[in-house]
Amino acid sequence: MLFLYRIFFPFAFLFFAPGLVFKLIRRPGRKKNYAERFGIFSRERAEALSAMKGAVWLHAVSVGETNVALTLLKKWAAENPKRKFVFSTTTTTSQEIAWNKVPPGVEVFFCPVDSALFVKKALRMIRPSALVIFETEIWPNLITLSRQSGAKVILVNARISDRSVKGYQRFRRFFSPVLDSFHRICVQTELDRERFAAVTSKAELTVTGNIKFDQAPAPDLQGIDLSEYFGDGIVSVLACSTHAPEEKLIVDSYRKARETNPALKLVIVPRHAERGNELEAMLATSGLRYHRRTSKKPPEEKVDCLLADTTGELVKFIKSSDVILMGKTFCQHHEGQNIIEPAALGKTIVTGPKMINFRQAFEALLKGGGVMSLASDSELPNAIRILAADPVLRNRLGANARNAVALHAGALAKTITILEENLP
């Protein structure tokens, strides 16, 4: 099966290449070195990566995984300053975050597209002692060729979602040799261990927990000054990492809630910043006064809604907000987004009925009384109205959320211990 994958991948790549270019144009982030995705490195970058021979190669695909990987990298590098690290991502937004936040001495680059030619070129330059992949980034050539090069190959904070599990089982003959190439797989939950065990018989599986529970906010974290847009004496509602058509539901719900509380203000941070034009068009017909943060202009007047179609500012907006509406949980979306981030900051969180991609965290917050979960979208206006009027309730929900996160911390230390045990 891998043989066939390597034969047909170049043809599949030609088919998907226009989509990569389209995303490159639309999405913000660091694009200067995007040619590295195709094995094209400037002389300067090639020399810098070649000088990292024997480094541990950490790979994360997008923003969420990158933030998890950075949490592990910073602690690991502090505990073992003699180790060398290189760090790759796939998207332009995660690349920008990585360049801005890696510890000194860590080289950052774009992970090559999963062509054997491109992957081998990166491996020859870096000659890594290990490849550490975060969560569910399963690329056959990257994994199998790294193992063949002599590197230890380890998957950390791993999970298999409800949506993906049937695919892994249906195509077991393809995925089994790929997963067998991992020396170690550190999974988030016992359910994840069972799902991986049904596909791989060779990789050693260990339940370590979810590193996201260890992502403590920086002590000096500064929020966004919302008074510039809304004035003082407000109650701010943050629509966090939203997906279409959630924004329309949230705007309509907000308008109903503010009928009894004019102090209510709304901030929208879409999951994909490139949707800014689409969302501005929606706001233009909503009847709300709004401002778009990427306009780079100060608002001419105080507004009702701020469209924050930016990258890398989400946690700052969470810090400044009173109520968090978790995206990808409304309008028949059930996958969820990272609920741990606002919980760790002690924020009041509102979700839809399910979060199947963040089941462990969601259940922990439900059990600890740290989240308001709504059975249907129709309950959202009243939920906003109740929370806006009751600061005591908001404080209690936020405190419960923070405590629930603290109870489940510890995966970071376990994972680093396992990594050290498996590396030279």
Protein backbone atom coordinates (compact mmCIF):
# COMPACT_ATOMS: atom_id res chain seq x y z
CA MET A 1 0.00 0.00 0.00
CA LEU A 2 2.84 2.42 0.79
CA PHE A 3 4.40 1.53 -2.55
CA LEU A 4 1.20 2.58 -4.32
CA TYR A 5 1.00 5.75 -2.21
CA ARG A 6 4.46 6.77 -3.34
CA ILE A 7 3.62 6.08 -6.97
CA PHE A 8 0.37 8.04 -7.01
CA PHE A 9 1.29 10.86 -4.60
CA PRO A 10 2.94 13.07 -7.29
CA PHE A 11 -0.28 12.96 -9.34
CA ALA A 12 -2.40 13.74 -6.28
CA PHE A 13 -0.03 16.58 -5.43
CA LEU A 14 -0.53 18.16 -8.87
CA PHE A 15 -4.29 17.97 -8.30
CA PHE A 16 -4.15 19.62 -4.85
CA ALA A 17 -1.37 22.15 -5.62
CA PRO A 18 -3.79 24.89 -6.81
CA GLY A 19 -5.58 24.64 -3.46
CA LEU A 20 -2.30 25.16 -1.62
CA VAL A 21 -1.58 28.25 -3.70
CA PHE A 22 -5.11 29.57 -3.09
CA LYS A 23 -4.71 29.20 0.67
CA LEU A 24 -1.28 30.82 0.50
CA ILE A 25 -2.77 33.88 -1.15
CA ARG A 26 -5.81 34.17 1.12
CA ARG A 27 -4.38 33.33 4.51
CA PRO A 28 -2.29 35.72 6.59
CA GLY A 29 0.94 34.72 8.29
CA ARG A 30 4.55 34.18 7.33
CA LYS A 31 4.94 33.40 3.62
CA LYS A 32 8.53 34.44 2.93
CA ASN A 33 9.95 30.91 3.13
CA TYR A 34 6.89 28.99 1.86
CA ALA A 35 8.99 27.41 -0.92
CA GLU A 36 10.40 25.14 1.79
CA ARG A 37 7.15 23.18 1.46
CA PHE A 38 8.51 22.04 -1.91
CA GLY A 39 12.05 21.33 -0.78
CA ILE A 40 13.39 24.73 -1.88
CA PHE A 41 15.58 26.30 0.81
CA SER A 42 17.57 29.50 0.54
CA ARG A 43 21.30 29.13 1.06
CA GLU A 44 21.00 30.88 4.43
CA ARG A 45 18.21 28.60 5.63
CA ALA A 46 19.92 25.47 4.31
CA GLU A 47 23.11 26.37 6.18
CA ALA A 48 21.21 27.11 9.39
CA LEU A 49 19.35 23.78 9.27
CA SER A 50 22.46 21.81 8.31
CA ALA A 51 24.17 23.20 11.40
CA MET A 52 21.46 21.53 13.53
CA LYS A 53 22.64 17.98 12.78
CA GLY A 54 21.30 15.56 15.39
CA ALA A 55 18.52 17.90 16.53
CA VAL A 56 15.09 16.80 17.66
CA TRP A 57 12.63 17.71 14.92
CA LEU A 58 9.27 18.85 16.34
CA HIS A 59 6.38 19.07 13.88
CA ALA A 60 2.94 20.65 14.34
CA VAL A 61 0.47 21.32 11.56
CA SER A 62 -1.50 24.47 12.44
CA VAL A 63 -2.05 27.04 15.18
CA GLY A 64 -3.59 24.78 17.85
CA GLU A 65 -0.97 22.05 17.57
CA THR A 66 1.78 24.68 17.33
CA ASN A 67 0.79 26.21 20.64
CA VAL A 68 0.84 22.77 22.26
CA ALA A 69 4.23 22.02 20.72
CA LEU A 70 5.63 25.35 21.93
CA THR A 71 4.48 24.56 25.47
CA LEU A 72 6.40 21.28 25.37
CA LEU A 73 9.43 22.77 23.60
CA LYS A 74 9.92 25.59 26.10
CA LYS A 75 9.79 23.26 29.10
CA TRP A 76 11.91 20.57 27.45
CA ALA A 77 14.57 23.03 26.30
CA ALA A 78 14.71 24.59 29.77
CA GLU A 79 15.16 21.17 31.40
CA ASN A 80 17.72 19.96 28.84
CA PRO A 81 19.53 23.01 27.42
CA LYS A 82 22.11 20.83 25.63
CA ARG A 83 19.55 19.40 23.23
CA LYS A 84 19.19 20.97 19.79
CA PHE A 85 15.73 21.48 18.31
CA VAL A 86 14.23 22.35 14.96
CA PHE A 87 10.55 23.17 14.58
CA SER A 88 8.32 22.80 11.52
CA THR A 89 4.72 23.74 10.78
CA THR A 90 2.44 23.44 7.76
CA THR A 91 0.34 26.63 7.65
CA THR A 92 1.45 30.24 7.25
CA THR A 93 -0.34 31.32 10.43
CA SER A 94 1.33 28.67 12.57
CA GLN A 95 4.67 29.46 10.93
CA GLU A 96 4.42 33.08 12.04
CA ILE A 97 3.58 32.07 15.60
CA ALA A 98 6.50 29.63 15.69
CA TRP A 99 9.00 32.19 14.41
CA ASN A 100 7.85 34.66 17.08
CA LYS A 101 7.71 32.29 20.04
CA VAL A 102 10.36 29.56 19.81
CA PRO A 103 13.18 29.72 22.38
CA PRO A 104 16.54 31.11 21.23
CA GLY A 105 18.60 28.69 19.16
CA VAL A 106 15.64 26.82 17.64
CA GLU A 107 15.43 26.85 13.83
CA VAL A 108 11.95 27.12 12.30
CA PHE A 109 10.96 25.98 8.81
CA PHE A 110 8.01 24.79 6.74
CA CYS A 111 7.50 21.04 6.78
CA PRO A 112 7.90 19.67 3.26
CA VAL A 113 4.90 18.33 1.37
CA ASP A 114 4.82 14.54 1.79
CA SER A 115 6.78 13.77 -1.35
CA ALA A 116 9.66 11.33 -0.83
CA LEU A 117 11.94 13.72 -2.75
CA PHE A 118 11.12 16.72 -0.55
CA VAL A 119 11.18 14.76 2.72
CA LYS A 120 14.54 13.13 1.95
CA LYS A 121 16.06 16.54 1.22
CA ALA A 122 14.99 17.85 4.64
CA LEU A 123 16.25 14.71 6.37
CA ARG A 124 19.65 14.95 4.65
CA MET A 125 20.02 18.54 5.84
CA ILE A 126 18.94 18.09 9.44
CA ARG A 127 19.84 14.44 10.09
CA PRO A 128 17.51 14.49 13.13
CA SER A 129 17.99 12.22 16.10
CA ALA A 130 14.20 12.14 16.50
CA LEU A 131 10.98 13.26 14.85
CA VAL A 132 8.26 14.24 17.33
CA ILE A 133 4.84 14.78 15.75
CA PHE A 134 1.91 16.37 17.55
CA GLU A 135 -1.66 15.00 17.66
CA THR A 136 -2.80 13.48 14.34
CA GLU A 137 -0.44 14.57 11.58
CA ILE A 138 0.01 11.22 9.83
CA TRP A 139 2.10 11.62 6.66
CA PRO A 140 3.43 8.25 5.46
CA ASN A 141 6.64 9.40 3.75
CA LEU A 142 7.62 11.76 6.56
CA ILE A 143 7.12 9.05 9.17
CA THR A 144 8.54 5.99 7.41
CA LEU A 145 11.52 7.78 5.83
CA SER A 146 12.42 9.39 9.15
CA ARG A 147 12.48 5.98 10.78
CA GLN A 148 14.59 4.58 7.93
CA SER A 149 17.05 7.43 8.45
CA GLY A 150 17.70 6.16 11.98
CA ALA A 151 15.65 8.78 13.81
CA LYS A 152 13.34 7.88 16.67
CA VAL A 153 9.77 8.63 15.58
CA ILE A 154 7.28 9.52 18.31
CA LEU A 155 3.67 10.75 18.20
CA VAL A 156 2.61 12.83 21.21
CA ASN A 157 -0.69 14.20 22.50
CA ALA A 158 -2.23 11.80 20.00
CA ARG A 159 -5.91 11.21 19.45
CA ILE A 160 -8.25 9.65 16.91
CA SER A 161 -11.51 11.55 16.53
CA ASP A 162 -14.94 9.98 16.19
CA ARG A 163 -15.01 11.07 12.55
CA SER A 164 -11.59 9.56 11.77
CA VAL A 165 -11.84 6.22 13.57
CA LYS A 166 -13.91 4.53 10.86
CA GLY A 167 -11.42 5.60 8.21
CA TYR A 168 -8.50 4.16 10.17
CA GLN A 169 -10.35 0.87 10.54
CA ARG A 170 -11.55 0.73 6.93
CA PHE A 171 -8.05 1.40 5.57
CA ARG A 172 -6.18 -0.52 8.24
CA ARG A 173 -3.90 -2.17 5.67
CA PHE A 174 -2.65 1.28 4.69
CA PHE A 175 -2.42 2.90 8.13
CA SER A 176 -1.05 -0.08 10.02
CA PRO A 177 2.49 -0.02 8.55
CA VAL A 178 2.59 3.77 8.95
CA LEU A 179 1.62 3.68 12.61
CA ASP A 180 3.90 0.68 13.15
CA SER A 181 6.77 2.99 12.17
CA PHE A 182 6.33 4.98 15.38
CA HIS A 183 8.61 3.88 18.18
CA ARG A 184 6.16 5.33 20.72
CA ILE A 185 2.69 6.84 20.65
CA CYS A 186 1.60 8.95 23.64
CA VAL A 187 -2.20 9.25 23.60
CA GLN A 188 -4.60 11.56 25.40
CA THR A 189 -7.13 9.05 26.74
CA GLU A 190 -7.77 5.34 27.20
CA LEU A 191 -10.29 5.51 24.35
CA ASP A 192 -7.55 6.86 22.08
CA ARG A 193 -5.26 4.03 23.16
CA GLU A 194 -7.92 1.46 22.23
CA ARG A 195 -8.44 3.09 18.84
CA PHE A 196 -4.73 3.14 18.02
CA ALA A 197 -4.32 -0.43 19.28
CA ALA A 198 -6.93 -1.57 16.77
CA VAL A 199 -4.68 -0.32 13.94
CA THR A 200 -1.09 -0.82 15.12
CA SER A 201 0.36 -3.88 16.82
CA LYS A 202 3.97 -2.72 17.02
CA ALA A 203 4.05 0.86 18.33
CA GLU A 204 4.21 1.14 22.10
CA LEU A 205 1.12 2.98 23.35
CA THR A 206 1.00 5.04 26.54
CA VAL A 207 -1.82 7.17 27.98
CA THR A 208 -0.21 10.44 29.06
CA GLY A 209 -3.18 12.82 29.09
CA ASN A 210 -3.74 16.05 27.19
CA ILE A 211 -0.89 18.58 27.19
CA LYS A 212 -3.41 21.35 26.63
CA PHE A 213 -4.32 21.07 30.33
CA ASP A 214 -0.75 22.20 31.06
CA GLN A 215 -0.92 25.32 28.90
CA ALA A 216 -0.91 27.82 31.73
CA PRO A 217 -1.41 31.41 30.58
CA ALA A 218 1.67 33.59 30.79
CA PRO A 219 1.77 35.52 34.08
CA ASP A 220 2.36 38.75 32.19
CA LEU A 221 -0.34 38.15 29.57
CA GLN A 222 -1.90 41.45 28.54
CA GLY A 223 -5.38 41.60 27.11
CA ILE A 224 -6.68 43.78 24.29
CA ASP A 225 -7.91 47.22 25.35
CA LEU A 226 -11.54 46.99 24.31
CA SER A 227 -12.40 50.49 25.55
CA GLU A 228 -10.93 51.86 22.31
CA TYR A 229 -13.84 50.25 20.46
CA PHE A 230 -16.63 50.10 23.03
CA GLY A 231 -15.95 52.62 25.75
CA ASP A 232 -16.10 51.80 29.46
CA GLY A 233 -18.63 49.98 31.65
CA ILE A 234 -19.29 47.15 29.21
CA VAL A 235 -19.93 43.42 29.35
CA SER A 236 -17.98 41.83 26.51
CA VAL A 237 -19.03 38.65 24.70
CA LEU A 238 -16.37 36.88 22.63
CA ALA A 239 -17.37 34.60 19.74
CA CYS A 240 -14.27 32.43 19.81
CA SER A 241 -12.88 30.49 16.80
CA THR A 242 -16.18 30.50 14.96
CA HIS A 243 -17.11 28.62 11.78
CA ALA A 244 -19.85 29.47 9.29
CA PRO A 245 -22.77 29.91 9.84
CA GLU A 246 -22.23 30.40 13.58
CA GLU A 247 -21.51 34.12 13.25
CA LYS A 248 -25.02 34.84 11.96
CA LEU A 249 -26.58 32.94 14.88
CA ILE A 250 -24.35 34.74 17.37
CA VAL A 251 -25.05 38.20 15.93
CA ASP A 252 -28.80 37.56 15.99
CA SER A 253 -28.60 36.21 19.56
CA TYR A 254 -26.52 39.17 20.67
CA ARG A 255 -28.99 41.65 19.20
CA LYS A 256 -31.83 40.02 21.15
CA ALA A 257 -29.83 39.94 24.40
CA ARG A 258 -28.75 43.58 24.22
CA GLU A 259 -32.37 44.74 24.07
CA THR A 260 -32.38 44.49 27.88
CA ASN A 261 -28.70 45.28 28.40
CA PRO A 262 -27.21 48.02 26.20
CA ALA A 263 -23.82 47.53 27.90
CA LEU A 264 -23.37 44.26 25.99
CA LYS A 265 -20.65 44.32 23.31
CA LEU A 266 -19.60 41.62 20.87
CA VAL A 267 -16.18 40.55 19.57
CA ILE A 268 -15.96 38.00 16.74
CA VAL A 269 -12.71 36.07 16.20
CA PRO A 270 -13.25 33.62 13.32
CA ARG A 271 -11.22 30.41 13.23
CA HIS A 272 -9.98 31.35 9.76
CA ALA A 273 -8.96 34.99 9.48
CA GLU A 274 -9.27 34.93 5.68
CA ARG A 275 -13.07 34.95 6.13
CA GLY A 276 -12.89 38.61 7.12
CA ASN A 277 -14.48 39.99 3.93
CA GLU A 278 -17.35 37.50 4.16
CA LEU A 279 -18.04 38.41 7.79
CA GLU A 280 -17.79 42.14 7.16
CA ALA A 281 -20.44 41.79 4.46
CA MET A 282 -22.68 40.01 6.97
CA LEU A 283 -22.13 42.70 9.61
CA ALA A 284 -22.84 45.47 7.10
CA THR A 285 -26.43 44.20 6.82
CA SER A 286 -26.88 43.43 10.52
CA GLY A 287 -27.79 46.92 11.68
CA LEU A 288 -24.90 46.90 14.17
CA ARG A 289 -22.17 49.50 14.33
CA TYR A 290 -18.99 47.54 13.80
CA HIS A 291 -15.26 47.97 13.30
CA ARG A 292 -12.83 45.66 11.50
CA ARG A 293 -9.53 45.34 13.34
CA THR A 294 -7.51 44.64 10.21
CA SER A 295 -8.56 48.00 8.75
CA LYS A 296 -5.57 49.40 10.68
CA LYS A 297 -7.62 52.52 11.43
CA PRO A 298 -8.97 53.65 14.78
CA PRO A 299 -12.77 53.54 14.98
CA GLU A 300 -14.46 56.83 14.17
CA GLU A 301 -17.05 56.16 16.86
CA LYS A 302 -17.76 53.63 19.58
CA VAL A 303 -19.23 50.46 18.10
CA ASP A 304 -21.36 47.47 19.07
CA CYS A 305 -19.20 44.78 17.46
CA LEU A 306 -15.51 44.28 16.74
CA LEU A 307 -14.53 41.91 13.93
CA ALA A 308 -11.06 40.64 14.90
CA ASP A 309 -9.99 38.85 11.72
CA THR A 310 -6.40 38.66 12.94
CA THR A 311 -3.92 35.92 13.77
CA GLY A 312 -2.22 35.25 17.10
CA GLU A 313 -4.42 37.52 19.22
CA LEU A 314 -7.10 35.09 20.37
CA VAL A 315 -5.75 34.49 23.86
CA LYS A 316 -5.47 38.26 24.41
CA PHE A 317 -9.12 38.70 23.46
CA ILE A 318 -10.06 35.84 25.78
CA LYS A 319 -8.18 37.59 28.58
CA SER A 320 -10.22 40.78 28.02
CA SER A 321 -13.66 39.19 27.62
CA ASP A 322 -16.39 38.41 30.15
CA VAL A 323 -18.28 35.64 28.31
CA ILE A 324 -16.80 33.18 25.82
CA LEU A 325 -18.98 31.53 23.16
CA MET A 326 -17.00 28.51 21.91
CA GLY A 327 -16.98 28.17 18.15
CA LYS A 328 -17.67 24.96 16.25
CA THR A 329 -20.26 23.95 18.87
CA PHE A 330 -23.34 25.69 17.43
CA CYS A 331 -25.34 25.37 14.18
CA GLN A 332 -24.90 21.58 13.99
CA HIS A 333 -21.15 21.86 14.53
CA HIS A 334 -20.19 19.36 17.22
CA GLU A 335 -16.40 19.11 16.88
CA GLY A 336 -15.51 22.00 19.18
CA GLN A 337 -12.40 24.14 19.60
CA ASN A 338 -9.84 24.44 22.39
CA ILE A 339 -12.01 24.98 25.46
CA ILE A 340 -9.05 24.64 27.82
CA GLU A 341 -7.57 28.00 26.91
CA PRO A 342 -10.46 30.13 28.25
CA ALA A 343 -10.99 27.72 31.15
CA ALA A 344 -7.38 28.16 32.30
CA LEU A 345 -7.99 31.92 32.34
CA GLY A 346 -11.05 31.43 34.54
CA LYS A 347 -13.53 32.65 31.95
CA THR A 348 -17.27 32.03 31.66
CA ILE A 349 -17.74 29.57 28.78
CA VAL A 350 -20.87 28.81 26.77
CA THR A 351 -21.05 25.91 24.30
CA GLY A 352 -23.47 23.89 22.28
CA PRO A 353 -24.39 20.34 23.33
CA LYS A 354 -21.28 18.46 22.12
CA MET A 355 -17.52 18.80 21.64
CA ILE A 356 -16.47 15.46 20.19
CA ASN A 357 -12.92 16.53 19.34
CA PHE A 358 -12.40 17.87 22.86
CA ARG A 359 -14.48 15.28 24.70
CA GLN A 360 -12.09 14.82 27.65
CA ALA A 361 -11.82 18.54 28.38
CA PHE A 362 -15.54 19.12 27.84
CA GLU A 363 -16.50 16.31 30.21
CA ALA A 364 -14.04 17.58 32.82
CA LEU A 365 -15.59 21.04 32.73
CA LEU A 366 -19.13 19.67 32.80
CA LYS A 367 -18.28 17.51 35.80
CA GLY A 368 -16.65 20.46 37.55
CA GLY A 369 -19.49 22.89 36.83
CA GLY A 370 -17.23 25.05 34.71
CA VAL A 371 -19.24 25.41 31.50
CA MET A 372 -22.74 26.35 30.43
CA SER A 373 -23.73 23.82 27.75
CA LEU A 374 -26.85 24.62 25.75
CA ALA A 375 -29.13 21.91 24.36
CA SER A 376 -30.11 23.98 21.33
CA ASP A 377 -29.14 27.17 19.49
CA SER A 378 -32.44 28.79 20.47
CA GLU A 379 -31.21 29.00 24.09
CA LEU A 380 -28.28 31.27 23.20
CA PRO A 381 -29.97 34.71 23.49
CA ASN A 382 -31.26 33.95 26.98
CA ALA A 383 -27.92 32.48 28.07
CA ILE A 384 -26.13 35.66 27.03
CA ARG A 385 -28.80 37.75 28.75
CA ILE A 386 -28.54 35.81 32.04
CA LEU A 387 -24.74 35.83 32.16
CA ALA A 388 -24.47 39.50 31.26
CA ALA A 389 -26.73 40.40 34.18
CA ASP A 390 -25.11 38.12 36.79
CA PRO A 391 -21.40 38.72 37.52
CA VAL A 392 -21.56 36.35 40.51
CA LEU A 393 -22.64 33.49 38.24
CA ARG A 394 -19.90 34.40 35.75
CA ASN A 395 -17.27 34.36 38.49
CA ARG A 396 -18.45 30.99 39.82
CA LEU A 397 -18.42 29.36 36.38
CA GLY A 398 -14.97 30.81 35.66
CA ALA A 399 -13.50 29.62 38.95
CA ASN A 400 -14.93 26.14 38.42
CA ALA A 401 -13.44 26.04 34.93
CA ARG A 402 -9.98 27.01 36.17
CA ASN A 403 -10.11 24.38 38.92
CA ALA A 404 -11.18 21.66 36.48
CA VAL A 405 -8.18 22.39 34.26
CA ALA A 406 -5.79 22.30 37.22
CA LEU A 407 -7.08 18.87 38.27
CA HIS A 408 -6.16 17.36 34.89
CA ALA A 409 -2.68 18.84 34.46
CA GLY A 410 0.42 16.63 34.33
CA ALA A 411 0.58 15.34 30.76
CA LEU A 412 3.44 17.69 29.87
CA ALA A 413 5.84 16.28 32.46
CA LYS A 414 4.88 12.68 31.61
CA THR A 415 5.45 13.26 27.90
CA ILE A 416 8.87 14.87 28.35
CA THR A 417 9.94 12.00 30.61
CA ILE A 418 8.95 9.48 27.93
CA LEU A 419 10.73 11.47 25.22
CA GLU A 420 13.94 11.57 27.25
CA GLU A 421 13.72 7.83 27.90
CA ASN A 422 13.46 7.12 24.17
CA LEU A 423 16.13 9.49 22.86
CA PRO A 424 19.93 9.14 22.96
